[in-house]
N, C-alpha and C. Protein backbone atom coordinates (compact mmCIF):
# COMPACT_ATOMS: atom_id res chain seq x y z
N UNK A 1 -3.76 -6.20 -13.21
CA UNK A 1 -4.04 -6.29 -11.80
C UNK A 1 -5.12 -5.29 -11.43
N UNK A 2 -6.09 -5.76 -10.67
CA UNK A 2 -7.15 -4.88 -10.20
C UNK A 2 -7.01 -4.71 -8.69
N UNK A 3 -7.12 -3.47 -8.23
CA UNK A 3 -7.02 -3.23 -6.79
C UNK A 3 -8.21 -3.80 -6.04
N UNK A 4 -9.29 -4.09 -6.75
CA UNK A 4 -10.44 -4.71 -6.12
C UNK A 4 -10.14 -6.10 -5.58
N UNK A 5 -9.09 -6.71 -6.07
CA UNK A 5 -8.71 -8.04 -5.59
C UNK A 5 -8.17 -8.00 -4.17
N UNK A 6 -7.78 -6.82 -3.70
CA UNK A 6 -7.30 -6.73 -2.33
C UNK A 6 -8.41 -7.02 -1.33
N UNK A 7 -9.63 -6.64 -1.65
CA UNK A 7 -10.75 -6.82 -0.75
C UNK A 7 -11.25 -8.26 -0.83
N UNK A 8 -10.73 -9.11 0.06
CA UNK A 8 -11.12 -10.51 0.11
C UNK A 8 -11.34 -10.89 1.57
N UNK A 9 -12.43 -10.45 2.18
CA UNK A 9 -12.62 -10.69 3.61
C UNK A 9 -12.75 -12.16 3.99
N UNK A 10 -13.01 -13.03 3.05
CA UNK A 10 -13.08 -14.46 3.37
C UNK A 10 -11.72 -15.14 3.31
N UNK A 11 -10.73 -14.43 2.83
CA UNK A 11 -9.38 -14.97 2.72
C UNK A 11 -8.59 -14.60 3.97
N UNK A 12 -8.03 -15.58 4.69
CA UNK A 12 -7.25 -15.25 5.89
C UNK A 12 -6.04 -14.35 5.61
N UNK A 13 -5.49 -14.43 4.41
CA UNK A 13 -4.35 -13.57 4.06
C UNK A 13 -4.74 -12.09 4.08
N UNK A 14 -5.99 -11.79 3.76
CA UNK A 14 -6.47 -10.42 3.81
C UNK A 14 -6.41 -9.88 5.24
N UNK A 15 -6.91 -10.65 6.19
CA UNK A 15 -6.92 -10.20 7.58
C UNK A 15 -5.52 -10.17 8.17
N UNK A 16 -4.68 -11.08 7.74
CA UNK A 16 -3.29 -11.05 8.19
C UNK A 16 -2.59 -9.81 7.66
N UNK A 17 -2.87 -9.43 6.41
CA UNK A 17 -2.30 -8.22 5.84
C UNK A 17 -2.75 -6.99 6.63
N UNK A 18 -4.03 -6.93 6.98
CA UNK A 18 -4.56 -5.81 7.77
C UNK A 18 -3.86 -5.74 9.12
N UNK A 19 -3.75 -6.88 9.80
CA UNK A 19 -3.14 -6.91 11.13
C UNK A 19 -1.66 -6.51 11.08
N UNK A 20 -0.94 -7.00 10.09
CA UNK A 20 0.48 -6.68 9.97
C UNK A 20 0.68 -5.20 9.68
N UNK A 21 -0.16 -4.63 8.81
CA UNK A 21 -0.03 -3.21 8.51
C UNK A 21 -0.39 -2.35 9.72
N UNK A 22 -1.38 -2.74 10.50
CA UNK A 22 -1.71 -2.00 11.72
C UNK A 22 -0.58 -2.09 12.75
N UNK A 23 0.02 -3.26 12.85
CA UNK A 23 1.13 -3.43 13.79
C UNK A 23 2.34 -2.59 13.38
N UNK A 24 2.64 -2.54 12.10
CA UNK A 24 3.78 -1.72 11.67
C UNK A 24 3.50 -0.24 11.89
N UNK A 25 2.24 0.18 11.74
CA UNK A 25 1.87 1.56 12.03
C UNK A 25 2.05 1.86 13.52
N UNK A 26 1.63 0.93 14.36
CA UNK A 26 1.80 1.10 15.80
C UNK A 26 3.27 1.17 16.19
N UNK A 27 4.08 0.32 15.61
CA UNK A 27 5.51 0.32 15.92
C UNK A 27 6.18 1.62 15.46
N UNK A 28 5.80 2.11 14.30
CA UNK A 28 6.36 3.38 13.83
C UNK A 28 5.95 4.52 14.76
N UNK A 29 4.72 4.49 15.26
CA UNK A 29 4.26 5.51 16.19
C UNK A 29 5.06 5.46 17.49
N UNK A 30 5.34 4.25 17.99
CA UNK A 30 6.12 4.09 19.23
C UNK A 30 7.52 4.67 19.05
N UNK A 31 8.15 4.40 17.93
CA UNK A 31 9.51 4.91 17.68
C UNK A 31 9.50 6.43 17.64
N UNK A 32 8.48 7.02 17.05
CA UNK A 32 8.43 8.48 16.93
C UNK A 32 7.97 9.17 18.21
N UNK A 33 7.15 8.52 19.02
CA UNK A 33 6.53 9.18 20.16
C UNK A 33 7.34 9.10 21.45
N UNK A 34 8.07 8.04 21.63
CA UNK A 34 8.78 7.83 22.89
C UNK A 34 10.29 7.97 22.67
N UNK A 35 10.94 8.47 23.71
CA UNK A 35 12.40 8.55 23.66
C UNK A 35 12.94 7.23 24.20
N UNK A 36 13.36 6.40 23.31
CA UNK A 36 13.92 5.10 23.65
C UNK A 36 15.41 5.14 23.44
N UNK A 37 16.09 4.20 24.01
CA UNK A 37 17.52 4.08 23.74
C UNK A 37 17.74 3.67 22.30
N UNK A 38 18.94 3.88 21.83
CA UNK A 38 19.25 3.57 20.43
C UNK A 38 19.00 2.09 20.10
N UNK A 39 19.46 1.15 20.92
CA UNK A 39 19.20 -0.26 20.58
C UNK A 39 17.70 -0.59 20.50
N UNK A 40 16.92 -0.05 21.43
CA UNK A 40 15.48 -0.31 21.41
C UNK A 40 14.82 0.31 20.18
N UNK A 41 15.23 1.52 19.83
CA UNK A 41 14.67 2.17 18.64
C UNK A 41 15.01 1.39 17.38
N UNK A 42 16.23 0.92 17.29
CA UNK A 42 16.64 0.14 16.11
C UNK A 42 15.87 -1.17 16.05
N UNK A 43 15.71 -1.83 17.18
CA UNK A 43 14.98 -3.11 17.21
C UNK A 43 13.52 -2.92 16.79
N UNK A 44 12.87 -1.91 17.32
CA UNK A 44 11.47 -1.66 16.95
C UNK A 44 11.36 -1.24 15.49
N UNK A 45 12.31 -0.45 15.01
CA UNK A 45 12.29 -0.04 13.60
C UNK A 45 12.49 -1.25 12.68
N UNK A 46 13.35 -2.17 13.07
CA UNK A 46 13.56 -3.38 12.25
C UNK A 46 12.27 -4.21 12.21
N UNK A 47 11.59 -4.34 13.36
CA UNK A 47 10.32 -5.06 13.37
C UNK A 47 9.28 -4.36 12.50
N UNK A 48 9.24 -3.04 12.55
CA UNK A 48 8.28 -2.29 11.72
C UNK A 48 8.57 -2.48 10.24
N UNK A 49 9.82 -2.42 9.86
CA UNK A 49 10.19 -2.63 8.44
C UNK A 49 9.88 -4.06 8.02
N UNK A 50 10.15 -5.02 8.90
CA UNK A 50 9.80 -6.41 8.59
C UNK A 50 8.31 -6.60 8.40
N UNK A 51 7.52 -5.92 9.22
CA UNK A 51 6.06 -6.00 9.05
C UNK A 51 5.62 -5.39 7.74
N UNK A 52 6.25 -4.31 7.33
CA UNK A 52 5.91 -3.70 6.04
C UNK A 52 6.21 -4.67 4.90
N UNK A 53 7.36 -5.33 4.98
CA UNK A 53 7.73 -6.28 3.92
C UNK A 53 6.74 -7.44 3.88
N UNK A 54 6.36 -7.96 5.04
CA UNK A 54 5.39 -9.05 5.09
C UNK A 54 4.04 -8.58 4.55
N UNK A 55 3.63 -7.38 4.92
CA UNK A 55 2.36 -6.83 4.42
C UNK A 55 2.36 -6.65 2.92
N UNK A 56 3.48 -6.17 2.37
CA UNK A 56 3.57 -6.01 0.92
C UNK A 56 3.54 -7.36 0.21
N UNK A 57 4.17 -8.36 0.80
CA UNK A 57 4.16 -9.70 0.20
C UNK A 57 2.73 -10.26 0.19
N UNK A 58 2.01 -10.09 1.31
CA UNK A 58 0.62 -10.56 1.36
C UNK A 58 -0.24 -9.80 0.36
N UNK A 59 0.01 -8.50 0.22
CA UNK A 59 -0.75 -7.71 -0.75
C UNK A 59 -0.49 -8.22 -2.16
N UNK A 60 0.75 -8.52 -2.46
CA UNK A 60 1.09 -9.03 -3.78
C UNK A 60 0.39 -10.37 -4.04
N UNK A 61 0.37 -11.24 -3.02
CA UNK A 61 -0.32 -12.53 -3.19
C UNK A 61 -1.81 -12.34 -3.42
N UNK A 62 -2.42 -11.39 -2.71
CA UNK A 62 -3.85 -11.14 -2.91
C UNK A 62 -4.13 -10.56 -4.29
N UNK A 63 -3.26 -9.69 -4.76
CA UNK A 63 -3.45 -9.11 -6.09
C UNK A 63 -3.23 -10.13 -7.20
N UNK A 64 -2.32 -11.04 -6.99
CA UNK A 64 -1.97 -12.01 -8.02
C UNK A 64 -3.01 -13.13 -8.13
N UNK A 65 -3.49 -13.64 -6.99
CA UNK A 65 -4.43 -14.75 -7.01
C UNK A 65 -5.83 -14.24 -7.34
N UNK A 66 -6.54 -14.91 -8.22
CA UNK A 66 -7.91 -14.49 -8.52
C UNK A 66 -8.84 -14.80 -7.35
N UNK A 67 -9.84 -13.99 -7.18
CA UNK A 67 -10.84 -14.24 -6.15
C UNK A 67 -11.71 -15.43 -6.59
N UNK A 68 -12.42 -16.07 -5.66
CA UNK A 68 -13.27 -17.21 -6.05
C UNK A 68 -14.32 -16.84 -7.09
N UNK A 69 -14.77 -15.59 -7.11
CA UNK A 69 -15.76 -15.18 -8.10
C UNK A 69 -15.15 -15.11 -9.50
N UNK A 70 -13.83 -14.88 -9.60
CA UNK A 70 -13.17 -14.73 -10.88
C UNK A 70 -12.72 -16.04 -11.49
N UNK A 71 -12.62 -17.08 -10.70
CA UNK A 71 -12.16 -18.37 -11.24
C UNK A 71 -13.28 -19.03 -12.03
N UNK A 72 -12.97 -19.52 -13.21
CA UNK A 72 -14.02 -20.19 -14.00
C UNK A 72 -14.40 -21.52 -13.36
N UNK A 73 -15.64 -21.94 -13.54
CA UNK A 73 -16.06 -23.23 -12.96
C UNK A 73 -15.35 -24.39 -13.64
N UNK A 74 -15.07 -25.41 -12.86
CA UNK A 74 -14.41 -26.61 -13.40
C UNK A 74 -15.41 -27.40 -14.24
N UNK A 75 -14.90 -27.90 -15.34
CA UNK A 75 -15.76 -28.68 -16.24
C UNK A 75 -15.53 -30.15 -16.03
């Protein structure tokens, strides 16, 4: 696996991974910065963890699938 495979700006999964990771960062910041009630904190934390899981899954898909430059031409 090459980490260079993560950089695929033409692949929509790349941009979805970026958006999901930014959203989970924002949610974690909200939980830490504001005094929310326990149910609200738990709900936001669950969403943040879910976003991390989705982001990791997208990252795994990007690492596993070859980029268009790496695929051999069809004969």
